[in-house]
């Protein structure tokens, strides 16, 4: 079985594994207070071009989302998100389990707009019963989104300005940050994201690491006591150096961007092949996630050899599916998939 169902099916990039192996017998302080975590944080500050940010390392994405949100919000406050947002759909109510409501907004291709945020906030404060309604205090966005789409510079700046105007925290989920930063047409970079967001994270689990996410906090109010919340939520890894070492490997020589470009390039090959056969994308994407509307009879043949994610029924004869490449996807695996897509399409299956 050749798998295109996710970007975390493999272990870790060999350079990451080598870094862990080379330091295996070293003794270091625990809980992220070791020299490797310090070095990794400094590399990330350099990438963000901001020496005042604080950087924390957490094992996984859902854990990171719930810790950031739980640490920022008071008990009567909630977080605005795209209806398709990861925290609203694919995290088993983890945010609600922390006592905070996800306030879902209609989205287009996974993205929400500045005017939607402003409208929701103003409707809330002008409601006669506002004290009886969860108060919006944070805005959660993903880049790339759940559909592989990207926010552009103008969109992010506009959202940031609305958040600043109304005192809302802006939190960007960057589980697939590398694939977004290296996508064709992207005009965001880490310095701009740092400038616009109060807090965000740089994903490692889906971009070459064995596990790990790097939380970047710019807003001083959110920095205070953050490590208390990490510990309270069971996320303070005793062997914290294992996280720092991986981010050193990813960022010390540009590996993070190199492997992200690789995944995007292979996803583009799949996208091009599907378009050439006349199949329609569900949403256009230049990242490692490609969503297409495909006939069920084609999918029944493909599933004999390939694994992909089924996103839902489109109509009685077609489904929406996702093909996802990763830092480790092989050229020959993509070539085999394309050959079979062309073969099955030619036979009008």
Protein backbone atom coordinates (compact mmCIF):
# COMPACT_ATOMS: atom_id res chain seq x y z
CA UNK A 1 0.00 0.00 0.00
CA UNK A 2 1.35 3.42 -0.99
CA UNK A 3 0.06 6.04 1.41
CA UNK A 4 -1.08 9.54 0.53
CA UNK A 5 -3.50 9.91 3.44
CA UNK A 6 -1.39 12.15 5.72
CA UNK A 7 1.96 13.88 6.20
CA UNK A 8 2.96 12.24 9.48
CA UNK A 9 2.99 8.57 8.48
CA UNK A 10 6.78 8.28 8.44
CA UNK A 11 9.16 8.61 11.39
CA UNK A 12 11.52 11.57 11.05
CA UNK A 13 14.06 13.00 8.65
CA UNK A 14 17.44 11.20 8.95
CA UNK A 15 19.14 14.43 10.08
CA UNK A 16 16.69 14.66 12.95
CA UNK A 17 17.29 11.03 13.91
CA UNK A 18 21.04 11.52 13.67
CA UNK A 19 20.91 14.52 15.97
CA UNK A 20 19.00 12.49 18.55
CA UNK A 21 21.38 9.54 18.23
CA UNK A 22 24.51 11.68 18.51
CA UNK A 23 23.37 13.15 21.84
CA UNK A 24 21.70 10.05 23.23
CA UNK A 25 24.08 9.50 26.14
CA UNK A 26 24.49 13.13 27.12
CA UNK A 27 23.12 14.23 30.46
CA UNK A 28 21.14 17.48 30.40
CA UNK A 29 18.67 19.35 32.62
CA UNK A 30 15.07 18.34 32.08
CA UNK A 31 11.80 20.05 31.18
CA UNK A 32 13.15 22.14 28.31
CA UNK A 33 15.79 23.94 30.37
CA UNK A 34 18.69 22.36 28.50
CA UNK A 35 21.16 24.01 26.14
CA UNK A 36 19.58 22.42 23.06
CA UNK A 37 16.17 23.96 23.70
CA UNK A 38 17.90 27.29 24.30
CA UNK A 39 19.76 26.94 21.00
CA UNK A 40 16.62 25.92 19.11
CA UNK A 41 14.69 28.87 20.52
CA UNK A 42 17.45 31.21 19.39
CA UNK A 43 17.35 29.77 15.87
CA UNK A 44 13.62 30.42 15.75
CA UNK A 45 14.05 33.99 17.05
CA UNK A 46 16.50 34.56 14.21
CA UNK A 47 14.01 33.17 11.67
CA UNK A 48 11.29 35.44 13.07
CA UNK A 49 13.67 38.41 13.29
CA UNK A 50 12.46 39.18 16.79
CA UNK A 51 14.56 38.74 19.91
CA UNK A 52 11.70 39.44 22.31
CA UNK A 53 9.51 36.44 21.52
CA UNK A 54 9.36 33.50 23.89
CA UNK A 55 9.59 29.99 22.45
CA UNK A 56 8.23 26.82 24.03
CA UNK A 57 8.29 23.25 22.74
CA UNK A 58 5.27 20.95 23.03
CA UNK A 59 4.83 17.42 21.73
CA UNK A 60 1.74 17.64 19.47
CA UNK A 61 -0.68 19.94 17.69
CA UNK A 62 -3.92 19.30 19.58
CA UNK A 63 -2.03 19.57 22.85
CA UNK A 64 -0.55 22.87 21.68
CA UNK A 65 -3.91 24.29 20.61
CA UNK A 66 -5.65 23.51 23.87
CA UNK A 67 -2.74 24.80 26.00
CA UNK A 68 -2.45 28.09 24.12
CA UNK A 69 -6.19 28.71 24.22
CA UNK A 70 -6.64 27.60 27.82
CA UNK A 71 -3.77 29.82 28.94
CA UNK A 72 -5.09 32.92 27.14
CA UNK A 73 -8.79 32.86 27.93
CA UNK A 74 -10.81 33.42 31.08
CA UNK A 75 -13.70 31.12 31.89
CA UNK A 76 -16.37 33.26 30.17
CA UNK A 77 -14.43 33.69 26.93
CA UNK A 78 -14.36 31.77 23.66
CA UNK A 79 -12.34 31.53 20.46
CA UNK A 80 -13.51 32.44 16.96
CA UNK A 81 -12.62 29.87 14.30
CA UNK A 82 -13.51 28.87 10.78
CA UNK A 83 -16.27 26.27 10.88
CA UNK A 84 -13.83 23.87 9.20
CA UNK A 85 -11.04 24.78 11.63
CA UNK A 86 -9.10 21.97 13.24
CA UNK A 87 -10.13 22.95 16.76
CA UNK A 88 -13.78 22.89 15.71
CA UNK A 89 -13.82 19.65 13.71
CA UNK A 90 -10.88 17.35 14.37
CA UNK A 91 -9.93 17.69 18.03
CA UNK A 92 -12.73 15.81 19.78
CA UNK A 93 -13.96 18.86 21.64
CA UNK A 94 -10.62 19.40 23.34
CA UNK A 95 -11.12 23.16 23.50
CA UNK A 96 -14.59 22.78 24.98
CA UNK A 97 -13.09 20.31 27.46
CA UNK A 98 -10.87 23.12 28.75
CA UNK A 99 -14.03 25.14 29.44
CA UNK A 100 -13.90 27.39 26.37
CA UNK A 101 -16.42 27.46 23.52
CA UNK A 102 -15.35 27.43 19.88
CA UNK A 103 -17.33 30.15 18.09
CA UNK A 104 -17.54 28.90 14.51
CA UNK A 105 -17.72 31.28 11.55
CA UNK A 106 -18.71 30.32 7.99
CA UNK A 107 -15.56 29.96 5.91
CA UNK A 108 -14.55 29.87 2.28
CA UNK A 109 -11.95 27.23 1.59
CA UNK A 110 -11.03 27.16 5.26
CA UNK A 111 -10.44 30.92 5.53
CA UNK A 112 -12.29 33.58 7.50
CA UNK A 113 -12.24 37.32 6.80
CA UNK A 114 -11.51 40.38 8.91
CA UNK A 115 -15.02 41.77 8.36
CA UNK A 116 -16.58 38.57 9.76
CA UNK A 117 -14.55 38.89 12.93
CA UNK A 118 -15.47 42.55 13.32
CA UNK A 119 -19.16 41.85 12.71
CA UNK A 120 -19.25 39.04 15.26
CA UNK A 121 -17.52 41.15 17.91
CA UNK A 122 -19.74 44.19 17.35
CA UNK A 123 -22.89 42.07 17.35
CA UNK A 124 -21.79 40.64 20.67
CA UNK A 125 -21.07 43.90 22.47
CA UNK A 126 -24.26 45.52 21.16
CA UNK A 127 -26.48 42.62 22.16
CA UNK A 128 -28.67 43.55 25.13
CA UNK A 129 -27.91 40.14 26.61
CA UNK A 130 -24.15 40.21 26.00
CA UNK A 131 -23.35 39.13 29.55
CA UNK A 132 -25.33 35.95 28.94
CA UNK A 133 -23.31 35.04 25.85
CA UNK A 134 -19.75 33.70 25.58
CA UNK A 135 -17.41 36.62 24.98
CA UNK A 136 -15.17 36.40 21.88
CA UNK A 137 -11.58 37.03 22.96
CA UNK A 138 -9.35 35.07 20.60
CA UNK A 139 -9.26 34.44 16.85
CA UNK A 140 -7.86 31.10 15.67
CA UNK A 141 -6.69 30.66 12.08
CA UNK A 142 -4.63 27.94 10.38
CA UNK A 143 -2.04 28.49 7.70
CA UNK A 144 -2.28 26.39 5.62
CA UNK A 145 -5.96 25.83 6.33
CA UNK A 146 -7.68 22.47 6.60
CA UNK A 147 -8.11 22.60 2.82
CA UNK A 148 -4.52 23.50 2.00
CA UNK A 149 -5.42 27.10 1.15
CA UNK A 150 -3.35 30.06 2.28
CA UNK A 151 -3.91 33.46 3.81
CA UNK A 152 -2.15 36.19 1.88
CA UNK A 153 -0.34 39.19 3.30
CA UNK A 154 -3.27 41.60 2.98
CA UNK A 155 -5.72 39.16 4.57
CA UNK A 156 -3.47 38.48 7.55
CA UNK A 157 -2.74 42.17 8.12
CA UNK A 158 -6.46 42.99 7.94
CA UNK A 159 -7.33 40.29 10.49
CA UNK A 160 -4.50 41.47 12.74
CA UNK A 161 -5.72 45.06 12.63
CA UNK A 162 -9.27 44.05 13.58
CA UNK A 163 -7.94 41.96 16.46
CA UNK A 164 -5.81 44.83 17.72
CA UNK A 165 -8.68 47.30 17.39
CA UNK A 166 -11.03 45.20 19.51
CA UNK A 167 -8.57 43.63 21.93
CA UNK A 168 -8.73 40.10 20.52
CA UNK A 169 -5.77 37.72 20.61
CA UNK A 170 -4.73 36.36 17.18
CA UNK A 171 -3.52 32.76 17.25
CA UNK A 172 -2.19 30.98 14.14
CA UNK A 173 -2.06 27.19 14.01
CA UNK A 174 1.08 26.37 12.04
CA UNK A 175 0.99 22.58 12.14
CA UNK A 176 1.85 22.64 8.41
CA UNK A 177 3.64 26.00 8.48
CA UNK A 178 6.55 24.86 6.31
CA UNK A 179 4.33 23.71 3.47
CA UNK A 180 2.56 27.07 3.52
CA UNK A 181 5.73 29.17 3.61
CA UNK A 182 7.19 27.25 0.67
CA UNK A 183 4.03 27.17 -1.47
CA UNK A 184 3.82 28.77 -4.90
CA UNK A 185 2.25 32.22 -4.59
CA UNK A 186 2.77 32.52 -0.84
CA UNK A 187 3.68 36.03 0.29
CA UNK A 188 3.90 35.43 4.05
CA UNK A 189 7.07 34.86 6.02
CA UNK A 190 7.87 34.26 9.68
CA UNK A 191 8.74 37.91 10.45
CA UNK A 192 5.35 39.09 9.15
CA UNK A 193 3.50 36.30 10.97
CA UNK A 194 5.33 37.30 14.15
CA UNK A 195 4.37 40.93 13.64
CA UNK A 196 0.69 40.13 13.06
CA UNK A 197 0.03 37.35 15.58
CA UNK A 198 0.01 37.37 19.36
CA UNK A 199 0.93 33.69 19.37
CA UNK A 200 1.50 31.00 16.75
CA UNK A 201 3.34 27.74 16.39
CA UNK A 202 5.73 26.18 13.93
CA UNK A 203 4.78 22.58 13.30
CA UNK A 204 7.38 19.84 13.39
CA UNK A 205 5.30 16.66 13.65
CA UNK A 206 4.00 17.02 10.08
CA UNK A 207 7.18 18.60 8.70
CA UNK A 208 10.05 16.23 9.32
CA UNK A 209 10.22 15.87 13.10
CA UNK A 210 9.50 12.70 15.04
CA UNK A 211 7.16 14.86 17.11
CA UNK A 212 7.03 18.45 18.34
CA UNK A 213 5.65 21.94 17.82
CA UNK A 214 7.40 25.23 18.60
CA UNK A 215 5.08 27.78 20.22
CA UNK A 216 6.07 31.40 19.58
CA UNK A 217 4.57 34.04 21.88
CA UNK A 218 4.92 37.71 21.06
CA UNK A 219 2.26 39.23 23.34
CA UNK A 220 3.77 39.81 26.79
CA UNK A 221 0.43 39.18 28.49
CA UNK A 222 0.39 35.64 27.11
CA UNK A 223 3.97 34.89 28.13
CA UNK A 224 3.25 35.16 31.83
CA UNK A 225 2.86 31.79 33.56
CA UNK A 226 2.74 29.89 30.27
CA UNK A 227 5.04 27.18 31.61
CA UNK A 228 2.66 26.67 34.54
CA UNK A 229 -0.10 25.84 32.05
CA UNK A 230 2.17 23.54 30.05
CA UNK A 231 2.90 21.59 33.23
CA UNK A 232 -0.70 21.61 34.46
CA UNK A 233 -1.90 20.18 31.15
CA UNK A 234 0.61 17.34 31.29
CA UNK A 235 2.71 18.64 28.41
CA UNK A 236 6.03 19.47 30.06
CA UNK A 237 8.23 16.74 28.65
CA UNK A 238 10.81 15.55 31.18
CA UNK A 239 13.25 14.77 28.36
CA UNK A 240 12.63 18.19 26.85
CA UNK A 241 15.89 18.20 24.96
CA UNK A 242 14.36 15.71 22.52
CA UNK A 243 12.20 18.56 21.24
CA UNK A 244 14.93 21.18 21.09
CA UNK A 245 17.31 18.87 19.23
CA UNK A 246 14.76 18.22 16.50
CA UNK A 247 14.15 21.91 15.86
CA UNK A 248 17.90 22.52 15.73
CA UNK A 249 18.13 19.89 12.99
CA UNK A 250 15.19 21.47 11.13
CA UNK A 251 16.40 25.07 11.29
CA UNK A 252 20.18 25.15 11.55
CA UNK A 253 20.74 24.74 7.80
CA UNK A 254 17.38 25.35 6.15
CA UNK A 255 16.20 21.74 6.22
CA UNK A 256 12.67 22.80 7.23
CA UNK A 257 12.20 24.74 4.01
CA UNK A 258 13.97 22.20 1.81
CA UNK A 259 11.75 19.29 2.80
CA UNK A 260 8.60 21.44 2.66
CA UNK A 261 9.40 22.41 -0.93
CA UNK A 262 9.91 18.74 -1.77
CA UNK A 263 6.41 17.82 -0.53
CA UNK A 264 4.81 20.73 -2.37
CA UNK A 265 6.55 19.88 -5.63
CA UNK A 266 5.33 16.30 -5.54
CA UNK A 267 1.80 17.42 -4.64
CA UNK A 268 1.91 19.73 -7.66
CA UNK A 269 2.67 16.74 -9.89
CA UNK A 270 -0.44 14.96 -8.58
CA UNK A 271 -2.51 18.12 -9.01
CA UNK A 272 -1.31 18.63 -12.57
CA UNK A 273 -2.08 15.04 -13.53
CA UNK A 274 -5.61 15.23 -12.12
CA UNK A 275 -6.29 18.55 -13.85
CA UNK A 276 -5.03 17.17 -17.17
CA UNK A 277 -7.56 14.34 -16.88
CA UNK A 278 -10.34 16.89 -16.40
CA UNK A 279 -10.96 16.38 -12.68
CA UNK A 280 -11.95 19.39 -10.58
CA UNK A 281 -10.26 20.54 -7.37
CA UNK A 282 -12.57 20.99 -4.39
CA UNK A 283 -10.49 24.03 -3.45
CA UNK A 284 -7.37 25.19 -5.29
CA UNK A 285 -4.22 24.50 -3.26
CA UNK A 286 -0.51 24.98 -3.84
CA UNK A 287 0.51 23.11 -0.71
CA UNK A 288 1.09 19.43 0.06
CA UNK A 289 -2.66 18.82 0.48
CA UNK A 290 -4.65 18.36 -2.72
CA UNK A 291 -8.45 18.07 -2.53
CA UNK A 292 -10.24 16.81 -5.63
CA UNK A 293 -13.72 15.73 -6.66
CA UNK A 294 -13.27 12.26 -8.16
CA UNK A 295 -15.64 9.59 -9.49
CA UNK A 296 -16.25 6.74 -7.09
CA UNK A 297 -15.41 4.14 -9.71
CA UNK A 298 -11.94 5.65 -10.12
CA UNK A 299 -11.49 5.69 -6.36
CA UNK A 300 -12.53 2.05 -6.05
CA UNK A 301 -9.63 1.15 -8.33
CA UNK A 302 -7.11 3.46 -6.70
CA UNK A 303 -7.82 2.16 -3.20
CA UNK A 304 -6.49 -1.24 -4.19
CA UNK A 305 -2.96 0.20 -4.21
CA UNK A 306 -3.16 3.64 -2.58
CA UNK A 307 -4.31 5.14 0.68
CA UNK A 308 -5.94 8.58 0.63
CA UNK A 309 -8.37 10.52 2.84
CA UNK A 310 -12.04 10.62 1.97
CA UNK A 311 -13.39 14.04 2.95
CA UNK A 312 -17.02 13.33 2.16
CA UNK A 313 -19.67 12.56 -0.41
CA UNK A 314 -19.96 15.13 -3.22
CA UNK A 315 -22.92 13.51 -4.98
CA UNK A 316 -24.16 10.00 -5.73
CA UNK A 317 -21.26 9.24 -8.08
CA UNK A 318 -18.40 11.41 -6.78
CA UNK A 319 -16.51 11.97 -3.53
CA UNK A 320 -14.14 14.63 -2.21
CA UNK A 321 -10.76 13.11 -1.41
CA UNK A 322 -7.41 14.39 -0.24
CA UNK A 323 -4.01 13.32 -1.50
CA UNK A 324 -1.36 14.43 0.97
CA UNK A 325 2.38 14.34 0.34
CA UNK A 326 5.06 14.75 2.97
CA UNK A 327 8.72 15.54 3.44
CA UNK A 328 9.39 11.82 2.88
CA UNK A 329 7.17 11.11 -0.14
CA UNK A 330 9.10 9.38 -2.91
CA UNK A 331 9.18 10.43 -6.54
CA UNK A 332 8.49 6.88 -7.69
CA UNK A 333 5.39 6.64 -5.50
CA UNK A 334 3.96 9.77 -7.11
CA UNK A 335 4.87 8.51 -10.58
CA UNK A 336 3.05 5.24 -9.92
CA UNK A 337 -0.07 7.07 -8.73
CA UNK A 338 -0.08 9.34 -11.77
CA UNK A 339 0.37 6.42 -14.15
CA UNK A 340 -2.58 4.61 -12.63
CA UNK A 341 -4.79 7.72 -12.64
CA UNK A 342 -4.05 8.17 -16.35
CA UNK A 343 -4.61 4.49 -17.09
CA UNK A 344 -7.94 4.28 -15.26
CA UNK A 345 -9.15 7.55 -16.75
CA UNK A 346 -8.27 6.36 -20.26
CA UNK A 347 -10.39 3.27 -19.72
CA UNK A 348 -13.26 5.53 -18.70
CA UNK A 349 -13.74 3.86 -15.34
